[in-house]
Amino acid sequence: MTITTTAIFLIIAACLGFWMWRDSSFKKKEFIAVSLFWIAFAATPWGADLMDMMQSVLGTGADAASNAVNNVSSR
């Protein structure tokens, strides 16, 4: 299973959005600054390597969960 970079962006954005929504001390400017930082970070070579690593980790985890569900439901 391959998780795309867009999916990773959506996961990060959803987590940041939920965190900043729950913490009332954040302002809209801070949310935009943090979001732009993550986009810029992913555009660097180090960020691209990190995104590749996250894709493999999340993909492996999704495969393991899928296999576990299939094994339990087949019994």
Protein backbone atom coordinates (compact mmCIF):
# COMPACT_ATOMS: atom_id res chain seq x y z
CA MET A 1 0.00 0.00 0.00
CA THR A 2 1.39 3.38 -0.96
CA ILE A 3 0.30 6.51 0.85
CA THR A 4 0.73 9.61 -1.25
CA THR A 5 2.41 12.81 -0.18
CA THR A 6 -0.97 14.52 -0.45
CA ALA A 7 -2.43 12.08 2.07
CA ILE A 8 0.43 12.78 4.47
CA PHE A 9 -0.17 16.53 4.05
CA LEU A 10 -3.85 16.02 4.82
CA ILE A 11 -3.06 13.97 7.92
CA ILE A 12 -0.63 16.62 9.18
CA ALA A 13 -3.05 19.45 8.37
CA ALA A 14 -5.93 17.68 10.11
CA CYS A 15 -3.82 17.05 13.23
CA LEU A 16 -2.57 20.64 13.31
CA GLY A 17 -6.06 21.99 12.70
CA PHE A 18 -7.55 19.89 15.51
CA TRP A 19 -4.74 20.83 17.90
CA MET A 20 -5.05 24.54 17.14
CA TRP A 21 -8.86 24.37 17.30
CA ARG A 22 -8.73 22.81 20.78
CA ASP A 23 -6.15 25.34 22.02
CA SER A 24 -7.84 28.74 21.98
CA SER A 25 -4.54 30.63 22.34
CA PHE A 26 -3.60 30.06 18.67
CA LYS A 27 -4.30 32.78 16.14
CA LYS A 28 -5.02 32.47 12.41
CA LYS A 29 -1.62 33.95 11.53
CA GLU A 30 0.13 31.28 13.58
CA PHE A 31 -1.84 28.53 11.86
CA ILE A 32 -0.87 29.90 8.43
CA ALA A 33 2.79 30.23 9.47
CA VAL A 34 2.96 26.65 10.77
CA SER A 35 1.20 25.32 7.66
CA LEU A 36 3.57 27.16 5.34
CA PHE A 37 6.53 25.86 7.34
CA TRP A 38 5.40 22.24 6.81
CA ILE A 39 4.87 22.84 3.09
CA ALA A 40 8.31 24.44 2.75
CA PHE A 41 9.91 21.70 4.86
CA ALA A 42 8.49 18.99 2.63
CA ALA A 43 9.91 20.78 -0.41
CA THR A 44 13.51 20.49 0.87
CA PRO A 45 15.66 17.39 0.31
CA TRP A 46 15.52 16.54 4.03
CA GLY A 47 11.77 16.91 4.03
CA ALA A 48 11.46 14.72 0.95
CA ASP A 49 13.48 12.00 2.70
CA LEU A 50 11.27 12.31 5.77
CA MET A 51 8.15 12.07 3.60
CA ASP A 52 9.51 8.89 2.00
CA MET A 53 10.16 7.43 5.43
CA MET A 54 6.65 8.35 6.61
CA GLN A 55 5.15 6.80 3.47
CA SER A 56 6.90 3.51 4.15
CA VAL A 57 6.02 3.48 7.88
CA LEU A 58 2.36 4.36 7.33
CA GLY A 59 2.10 1.96 4.40
CA THR A 60 3.60 -0.89 6.43
CA GLY A 61 1.25 -0.14 9.32
CA ALA A 62 -1.77 -0.06 7.03
CA ASP A 63 -0.75 -3.37 5.44
CA ALA A 64 -0.30 -4.98 8.86
CA ALA A 65 -3.70 -3.73 10.05
CA SER A 66 -5.37 -4.91 6.84
CA ASN A 67 -3.78 -8.36 7.12
CA ALA A 68 -4.82 -8.64 10.78
CA VAL A 69 -8.41 -7.77 9.97
CA ASN A 70 -8.48 -10.21 7.05
CA ASN A 71 -7.01 -13.01 9.21
CA VAL A 72 -9.50 -12.47 12.02
CA SER A 73 -12.50 -12.19 9.73
CA SER A 74 -11.56 -15.35 7.79
CA ARG A 75 -11.77 -17.54 10.91
